[in-house]
C-alpha atoms as a PDB file:
ATOM      1  CA  MET A   1      88.482  87.655  74.815  1.00  0.00           C
ATOM      2  CA  THR A   2      89.508  87.509  71.147  1.00  0.00           C
ATOM      3  CA  GLN A   3      93.039  87.730  69.784  1.00  0.00           C
ATOM      4  CA  ARG A   4      92.227  91.107  68.228  1.00  0.00           C
ATOM      5  CA  TRP A   5      91.145  92.446  71.623  1.00  0.00           C
ATOM      6  CA  ILE A   6      94.390  91.192  73.176  1.00  0.00           C
ATOM      7  CA  VAL A   7      96.488  92.940  70.513  1.00  0.00           C
ATOM      8  CA  ILE A   8      94.591  96.214  70.967  1.00  0.00           C
ATOM      9  CA  SER A   9      94.879  95.962  74.757  1.00  0.00           C
ATOM     10  CA  LYS A  10      98.605  95.228  74.596  1.00  0.00           C
ATOM     11  CA  THR A  11      99.155  98.220  72.314  1.00  0.00           C
ATOM     12  CA  ALA A  12      97.257 100.463  74.723  1.00  0.00           C
ATOM     13  CA  LEU A  13      99.218  99.025  77.651  1.00  0.00           C
ATOM     14  CA  TRP A  14     102.532  99.702  75.892  1.00  0.00           C
ATOM     15  CA  ALA A  15     101.455 103.306  75.312  1.00  0.00           C
ATOM     16  CA  ALA A  16     100.328 103.746  78.922  1.00  0.00           C
ATOM     17  CA  CYS A  17     103.535 102.257  80.339  1.00  0.00           C
ATOM     18  CA  LEU A  18     105.761 104.373  78.105  1.00  0.00           C
ATOM     19  CA  ALA A  19     103.837 107.605  78.777  1.00  0.00           C
ATOM     20  CA  PRO A  20     105.718 108.593  81.985  1.00  0.00           C
ATOM     21  CA  PHE A  21     109.089 107.996  80.319  1.00  0.00           C
ATOM     22  CA  GLY A  22     108.032 109.894  77.214  1.00  0.00           C
ATOM     23  CA  LEU A  23     106.913 112.818  79.356  1.00  0.00           C
ATOM     24  CA  LEU A  24     110.297 112.848  81.116  1.00  0.00           C
ATOM     25  CA  VAL A  25     112.056 112.985  77.745  1.00  0.00           C
ATOM     26  CA  LEU A  26     109.894 115.929  76.662  1.00  0.00           C
ATOM     27  CA  GLN A  27     110.546 117.699  79.963  1.00  0.00           C
ATOM     28  CA  ALA A  28     114.284 117.087  79.605  1.00  0.00           C
ATOM     29  CA  PHE A  29     114.179 119.054  76.343  1.00  0.00           C
ATOM     30  CA  GLY A  30     112.264 121.904  77.975  1.00  0.00           C
ATOM     31  CA  TYR A  31     108.734 120.954  76.953  1.00  0.00           C
ATOM     32  CA  ALA A  32     105.702 120.210  79.174  1.00  0.00           C
ATOM     33  CA  GLY A  33     106.955 122.532  81.908  1.00  0.00           C
ATOM     34  CA  GLY A  34     110.468 121.107  82.115  1.00  0.00           C
ATOM     35  CA  LEU A  35     111.942 119.028  84.928  1.00  0.00           C
ATOM     36  CA  GLY A  36     111.775 121.778  87.533  1.00  0.00           C
ATOM     37  CA  ALA A  37     114.438 123.156  89.857  1.00  0.00           C
ATOM     38  CA  ASN A  38     115.877 119.707  90.643  1.00  0.00           C
ATOM     39  CA  PRO A  39     115.798 117.613  87.451  1.00  0.00           C
ATOM     40  CA  VAL A  40     117.548 114.580  88.948  1.00  0.00           C
ATOM     41  CA  GLU A  41     115.115 114.381  91.850  1.00  0.00           C
ATOM     42  CA  GLN A  42     112.178 114.655  89.449  1.00  0.00           C
ATOM     43  CA  ILE A  43     113.477 111.755  87.353  1.00  0.00           C
ATOM     44  CA  LEU A  44     114.130 109.689  90.481  1.00  0.00           C
ATOM     45  CA  ASN A  45     110.615 110.284  91.811  1.00  0.00           C
ATOM     46  CA  VAL A  46     108.823 109.569  88.535  1.00  0.00           C
ATOM     47  CA  CYS A  47     110.792 106.405  87.733  1.00  0.00           C
ATOM     48  CA  GLY A  48     110.628 105.098  91.295  1.00  0.00           C
ATOM     49  CA  LYS A  49     106.879 105.613  91.734  1.00  0.00           C
ATOM     50  CA  THR A  50     106.052 104.380  88.238  1.00  0.00           C
ATOM     51  CA  GLY A  51     108.119 101.240  88.796  1.00  0.00           C
ATOM     52  CA  LEU A  52     106.425 100.558  92.127  1.00  0.00           C
ATOM     53  CA  ASN A  53     102.975 101.197  90.624  1.00  0.00           C
ATOM     54  CA  LEU A  54     103.628  98.748  87.793  1.00  0.00           C
ATOM     55  CA  LEU A  55     104.985  96.183  90.243  1.00  0.00           C
ATOM     56  CA  MET A  56     101.780  96.390  92.290  1.00  0.00           C
ATOM     57  CA  LEU A  57      99.677  96.112  89.121  1.00  0.00           C
ATOM     58  CA  THR A  58     101.657  92.994  88.209  1.00  0.00           C
ATOM     59  CA  LEU A  59     100.674  91.436  91.530  1.00  0.00           C
ATOM     60  CA  CYS A  60      97.019  92.363  90.921  1.00  0.00           C
ATOM     61  CA  VAL A  61      96.749  90.402  87.662  1.00  0.00           C
ATOM     62  CA  THR A  62      96.429  86.918  89.151  1.00  0.00           C
ATOM     63  CA  PRO A  63      93.744  87.796  91.776  1.00  0.00           C
ATOM     64  CA  ILE A  64      91.711  89.624  89.113  1.00  0.00           C
ATOM     65  CA  ARG A  65      92.080  86.665  86.726  1.00  0.00           C
ATOM     66  CA  ARG A  66      90.892  84.223  89.376  1.00  0.00           C
ATOM     67  CA  SER A  67      87.932  86.350  90.435  1.00  0.00           C
ATOM     68  CA  THR A  68      86.742  87.130  86.885  1.00  0.00           C
ATOM     69  CA  GLY A  69      87.631  83.836  85.230  1.00  0.00           C
ATOM     70  CA  ILE A  70      89.326  85.694  82.343  1.00  0.00           C
ATOM     71  CA  ASN A  71      92.449  83.550  82.105  1.00  0.00           C
ATOM     72  CA  LYS A  72      93.906  85.482  79.174  1.00  0.00           C
ATOM     73  CA  LEU A  73      94.584  88.425  81.479  1.00  0.00           C
ATOM     74  CA  ILE A  74      97.760  86.557  82.376  1.00  0.00           C
ATOM     75  CA  VAL A  75      99.330  87.714  79.083  1.00  0.00           C
ATOM     76  CA  PHE A  76      99.581  91.245  80.509  1.00  0.00           C
ATOM     77  CA  ARG A  77     101.462  90.215  83.664  1.00  0.00           C
ATOM     78  CA  ARG A  78     104.832  89.741  81.965  1.00  0.00           C
ATOM     79  CA  LEU A  79     104.564  93.081  80.143  1.00  0.00           C
ATOM     80  CA  LEU A  80     103.758  94.939  83.361  1.00  0.00           C
ATOM     81  CA  GLY A  81     106.585  93.178  85.185  1.00  0.00           C
ATOM     82  CA  LEU A  82     109.173  94.019  82.543  1.00  0.00           C
ATOM     83  CA  PHE A  83     108.141  97.673  82.486  1.00  0.00           C
ATOM     84  CA  ALA A  84     108.391  97.733  86.288  1.00  0.00           C
ATOM     85  CA  PHE A  85     111.939  96.380  85.959  1.00  0.00           C
ATOM     86  CA  PHE A  86     112.716  99.014  83.303  1.00  0.00           C
ATOM     87  CA  TYR A  87     111.576 101.936  85.458  1.00  0.00           C
ATOM     88  CA  LEU A  88     113.218 100.669  88.645  1.00  0.00           C
ATOM     89  CA  THR A  89     116.485 100.088  86.772  1.00  0.00           C
ATOM     90  CA  THR A  90     116.251 103.620  85.355  1.00  0.00           C
ATOM     91  CA  HIS A  91     115.587 104.865  88.895  1.00  0.00           C
ATOM     92  CA  PHE A  92     118.809 103.252  90.140  1.00  0.00           C
ATOM     93  CA  LEU A  93     120.889 104.347  87.126  1.00  0.00           C
ATOM     94  CA  THR A  94     119.687 107.929  87.555  1.00  0.00           C
ATOM     95  CA  TYR A  95     120.804 107.823  91.169  1.00  0.00           C
ATOM     96  CA  ALA A  96     124.195 106.280  90.343  1.00  0.00           C
ATOM     97  CA  LEU A  97     125.049 108.113  87.121  1.00  0.00           C
ATOM     98  CA  LEU A  98     123.507 111.541  87.668  1.00  0.00           C
ATOM     99  CA  ASP A  99     122.885 112.030  91.377  1.00  0.00           C
ATOM    100  CA  LEU A 100     126.235 110.602  92.531  1.00  0.00           C
ATOM    101  CA  GLY A 101     128.001 111.652  89.319  1.00  0.00           C
ATOM    102  CA  LEU A 102     129.241 108.211  88.271  1.00  0.00           C
ATOM    103  CA  ILE A 103     129.109 109.345  84.656  1.00  0.00           C
ATOM    104  CA  PHE A 104     131.298 112.384  85.409  1.00  0.00           C
ATOM    105  CA  THR A 105     133.747 111.196  88.100  1.00  0.00           C
ATOM    106  CA  PRO A 106     133.676 107.382  87.987  1.00  0.00           C
ATOM    107  CA  GLY A 107     136.371 106.752  90.592  1.00  0.00           C
ATOM    108  CA  THR A 108     134.994 108.955  93.361  1.00  0.00           C
ATOM    109  CA  ALA A 109     131.336 108.241  92.623  1.00  0.00           C
ATOM    110  CA  LEU A 110     131.842 104.480  92.572  1.00  0.00           C
ATOM    111  CA  GLY A 111     133.315 104.580  96.054  1.00  0.00           C
ATOM    112  CA  THR A 112     130.413 106.712  97.268  1.00  0.00           C
ATOM    113  CA  LEU A 113     127.942 104.303  95.666  1.00  0.00           C
ATOM    114  CA  LEU A 114     129.438 101.285  97.424  1.00  0.00           C
ATOM    115  CA  VAL A 115     129.471 103.115 100.757  1.00  0.00           C
ATOM    116  CA  ASP A 116     125.826 104.160 100.297  1.00  0.00           C
ATOM    117  CA  ILE A 117     124.756 100.599  99.499  1.00  0.00           C
ATOM    118  CA  ALA A 118     126.597  99.282 102.546  1.00  0.00           C
ATOM    119  CA  GLU A 119     125.763 101.974 105.105  1.00  0.00           C
ATOM    120  CA  ARG A 120     122.494 103.682 104.131  1.00  0.00           C
ATOM    121  CA  PRO A 121     119.645 101.254 104.950  1.00  0.00           C
ATOM    122  CA  TYR A 122     117.052 102.546 102.480  1.00  0.00           C
ATOM    123  CA  ILE A 123     119.570 102.313  99.635  1.00  0.00           C
ATOM    124  CA  THR A 124     120.651  98.848 100.790  1.00  0.00           C
ATOM    125  CA  VAL A 125     117.035  97.675 100.715  1.00  0.00           C
ATOM    126  CA  GLY A 126     116.335  99.275  97.335  1.00  0.00           C
ATOM    127  CA  PHE A 127     119.472  97.825  95.773  1.00  0.00           C
ATOM    128  CA  THR A 128     118.617  94.362  97.123  1.00  0.00           C
ATOM    129  CA  ALA A 129     115.136  94.599  95.593  1.00  0.00           C
ATOM    130  CA  LEU A 130     116.629  95.509  92.215  1.00  0.00           C
ATOM    131  CA  MET A 131     119.085  92.602  92.365  1.00  0.00           C
ATOM    132  CA  LEU A 132     116.217  90.202  93.088  1.00  0.00           C
ATOM    133  CA  LEU A 133     114.320  91.555  90.098  1.00  0.00           C
ATOM    134  CA  ILE A 134     117.116  90.680  87.664  1.00  0.00           C
ATOM    135  CA  PRO A 135     116.593  86.875  87.685  1.00  0.00           C
ATOM    136  CA  LEU A 136     112.829  87.411  87.475  1.00  0.00           C
ATOM    137  CA  ALA A 137     113.184  89.568  84.369  1.00  0.00           C
ATOM    138  CA  ALA A 138     115.745  87.196  82.842  1.00  0.00           C
ATOM    139  CA  THR A 139     113.460  84.162  83.288  1.00  0.00           C
ATOM    140  CA  SER A 140     110.194  85.821  82.255  1.00  0.00           C
ATOM    141  CA  THR A 141     110.061  84.189  78.805  1.00  0.00           C
ATOM    142  CA  ARG A 142     107.946  81.140  77.976  1.00  0.00           C
ATOM    143  CA  GLY A 143     111.086  79.218  77.094  1.00  0.00           C
ATOM    144  CA  MET A 144     112.557  79.739  80.564  1.00  0.00           C
ATOM    145  CA  GLN A 145     109.205  78.885  82.100  1.00  0.00           C
ATOM    146  CA  ARG A 146     109.226  75.534  80.311  1.00  0.00           C
ATOM    147  CA  ARG A 147     112.860  74.863  81.256  1.00  0.00           C
ATOM    148  CA  LEU A 148     112.447  75.633  84.933  1.00  0.00           C
ATOM    149  CA  GLY A 149     109.078  73.925  85.314  1.00  0.00           C
ATOM    150  CA  LYS A 150     107.786  74.055  88.899  1.00  0.00           C
ATOM    151  CA  ASN A 151     110.956  75.889  89.969  1.00  0.00           C
ATOM    152  CA  TRP A 152     109.828  78.836  87.821  1.00  0.00           C
ATOM    153  CA  VAL A 153     106.805  79.380  90.050  1.00  0.00           C
ATOM    154  CA  LYS A 154     108.939  79.159  93.191  1.00  0.00           C
ATOM    155  CA  LEU A 155     111.475  81.632  91.777  1.00  0.00           C
ATOM    156  CA  HIS A 156     108.871  84.176  90.758  1.00  0.00           C
ATOM    157  CA  ARG A 157     107.342  84.216  94.223  1.00  0.00           C
ATOM    158  CA  LEU A 158     110.301  86.473  94.997  1.00  0.00           C
ATOM    159  CA  VAL A 159     108.264  89.270  93.437  1.00  0.00           C
ATOM    160  CA  TYR A 160     106.428  89.579  96.769  1.00  0.00           C
ATOM    161  CA  VAL A 161     109.760  89.991  98.566  1.00  0.00           C
ATOM    162  CA  VAL A 162     110.720  92.634  96.005  1.00  0.00           C
ATOM    163  CA  ALA A 163     107.445  94.474  96.607  1.00  0.00           C
ATOM    164  CA  VAL A 164     107.994  94.470 100.385  1.00  0.00           C
ATOM    165  CA  LEU A 165     111.554  95.760  99.987  1.00  0.00           C
ATOM    166  CA  GLY A 166     110.397  98.408  97.525  1.00  0.00           C
ATOM    167  CA  ILE A 167     107.769  99.735  99.927  1.00  0.00           C
ATOM    168  CA  VAL A 168     110.275  99.766 102.809  1.00  0.00           C
ATOM    169  CA  HIS A 169     112.744 101.642 100.578  1.00  0.00           C
ATOM    170  CA  TYR A 170     110.064 104.198  99.755  1.00  0.00           C
ATOM    171  CA  TYR A 171     108.974 104.541 103.405  1.00  0.00           C
ATOM    172  CA  TRP A 172     112.494 105.102 104.703  1.00  0.00           C
ATOM    173  CA  GLN A 173     113.364 107.839 102.233  1.00  0.00           C
ATOM    174  CA  VAL A 174     110.327 110.087 102.637  1.00  0.00           C
ATOM    175  CA  LYS A 175     111.175 113.489 104.067  1.00  0.00           C
ATOM    176  CA  SER A 176     108.040 114.557 105.944  1.00  0.00           C
ATOM    177  CA  ASP A 177     105.163 113.084 107.932  1.00  0.00           C
ATOM    178  CA  PHE A 178     102.722 114.006 105.173  1.00  0.00           C
ATOM    179  CA  ASP A 179     104.639 111.867 102.680  1.00  0.00           C
ATOM    180  CA  PHE A 180     104.229 108.745 104.846  1.00  0.00           C
ATOM    181  CA  ALA A 181     100.644 108.334 103.605  1.00  0.00           C
ATOM    182  CA  GLU A 182     101.698 107.035 100.174  1.00  0.00           C
ATOM    183  CA  PRO A 183     104.064 104.236 101.290  1.00  0.00           C
ATOM    184  CA  LEU A 184     101.516 103.184 103.914  1.00  0.00           C
ATOM    185  CA  LEU A 185      98.879 102.968 101.176  1.00  0.00           C
ATOM    186  CA  TYR A 186     101.191 100.726  99.151  1.00  0.00           C
ATOM    187  CA  ALA A 187     101.762  98.595 102.252  1.00  0.00           C
ATOM    188  CA  PHE A 188      97.996  98.225 102.782  1.00  0.00           C
ATOM    189  CA  LEU A 189      97.453  97.171  99.162  1.00  0.00           C
ATOM    190  CA  LEU A 190     100.262  94.635  99.370  1.00  0.00           C
ATOM    191  CA  ALA A 191      98.829  93.233 102.618  1.00  0.00           C
ATOM    192  CA  VAL A 192      95.468  92.770 100.884  1.00  0.00           C
ATOM    193  CA  LEU A 193      97.108  91.008  97.932  1.00  0.00           C
ATOM    194  CA  LEU A 194      99.060  88.709 100.249  1.00  0.00           C
ATOM    195  CA  GLY A 195      95.874  87.965 102.183  1.00  0.00           C
ATOM    196  CA  VAL A 196      94.012  87.081  98.983  1.00  0.00           C
ATOM    197  CA  ARG A 197      96.851  84.809  97.912  1.00  0.00           C
ATOM    198  CA  LEU A 198      96.966  83.096 101.326  1.00  0.00           C
ATOM    199  CA  LYS A 199      93.204  82.564 101.312  1.00  0.00           C
ATOM    200  CA  HIS A 200      93.374  80.998  97.842  1.00  0.00           C
ATOM    201  CA  ARG A 201      96.099  78.600  98.964  1.00  0.00           C
ATOM    202  CA  LEU A 202      94.188  77.581 102.076  1.00  0.00           C
ATOM    203  CA  VAL A 203      90.928  77.041 100.203  1.00  0.00           C
ATOM    204  CA  HIS A 204      92.521  75.014  97.429  1.00  0.00           C
ATOM    205  CA  ALA A 205      94.980  73.103  99.586  1.00  0.00           C
ATOM    206  CA  LYS A 206      94.599  69.366  99.002  1.00  0.00           C
ATOM    207  CA  PRO A 207      94.063  67.422 102.228  1.00  0.00           C
ATOM    208  CA  ALA A 208      96.551  64.670 102.845  1.00  0.00           C
ATOM    209  CA  VAL A 209      95.095  61.297 101.842  1.00  0.00           C
ATOM    210  CA  PRO A 210      96.139  58.524 104.270  1.00  0.00           C
ATOM    211  CA  ALA A 211      97.654  55.430 102.783  1.00  0.00           C
ATOM    212  CA  PRO A 212      95.110  52.586 102.488  1.00  0.00           C
ATOM    213  CA  TYR A 213      95.506  49.797 105.025  1.00  0.00           C
ATOM    214  CA  PRO A 214      95.780  46.224 103.712  1.00  0.00           C
ATOM    215  CA  ARG A 215      92.531  44.351 104.055  1.00  0.00           C
ATOM    216  CA  VAL A 216      92.672  41.635 106.668  1.00  0.00           C
ATOM    217  CA  GLU A 217      90.068  38.884 106.467  1.00  0.00           C
ATOM    218  CA  PRO A 218      88.603  37.427 109.667  1.00  0.00           C
ATOM    219  CA  PRO A 219      89.801  33.957 110.701  1.00  0.00           C
ATOM    220  CA  GLN A 220      86.491  32.300 109.763  1.00  0.00           C
ATOM    221  CA  ALA A 221      86.705  33.595 106.194  1.00  0.00           C
ATOM    222  CA  GLN A 222      90.290  32.382 105.923  1.00  0.00           C
ATOM    223  CA  GLN A 223      89.256  28.861 107.101  1.00  0.00           C
ATOM    224  CA  LYS A 224      86.469  28.694 104.504  1.00  0.00           C
ATOM    225  CA  THR A 225      88.816  29.626 101.700  1.00  0.00           C
ATOM    226  CA  THR A 226      91.346  26.961 102.744  1.00  0.00           C
ATOM    227  CA  ARG A 227      88.646  24.281 102.665  1.00  0.00           C
END
């Protein structure tokens, strides 16, 4: 994998990740069919699903890298993760600013937001997932990776917790039995990814090496040496 190929691939990945947001902008201005009868719900759905899709793709990078041996695939993981954070943040801001009206009536909407986070389980779970994503996004740079050392790896394992919370959030807010198929599909994919990760850890786990015992010479050997 040459540097030129990486640059081309990153450019294509940027374009692919920005495409859903660009389409929403066009629809907001009345192009590409518009946002439909419920614009806020459309934005929420697109940003939420796109964020969850990118989060799952982020988790797929390492297993694919290990199975193919293409180590440079790791350069795409940070980009996918940051775009997932962007879309999930936009999902929450759309809910807070437009759906609840925080941008129009800050006082009333803020109270409603706090009550929703505290009393509506699927919003509580979704908000918790977003809060856990913040330190992951903030420490995604190479500089922070060098500073944190081994703690960086431990911190970024939280991405699996975020994925679980995101799928639960999605499952709890679906409105019909037919819609349950999608969150269950995400749950199956995540279970496979966790299984692959667990298998890798078990296979590559280093067995504990017992401490060597001090060598004790037999009495006859000790007598010969003293003579």
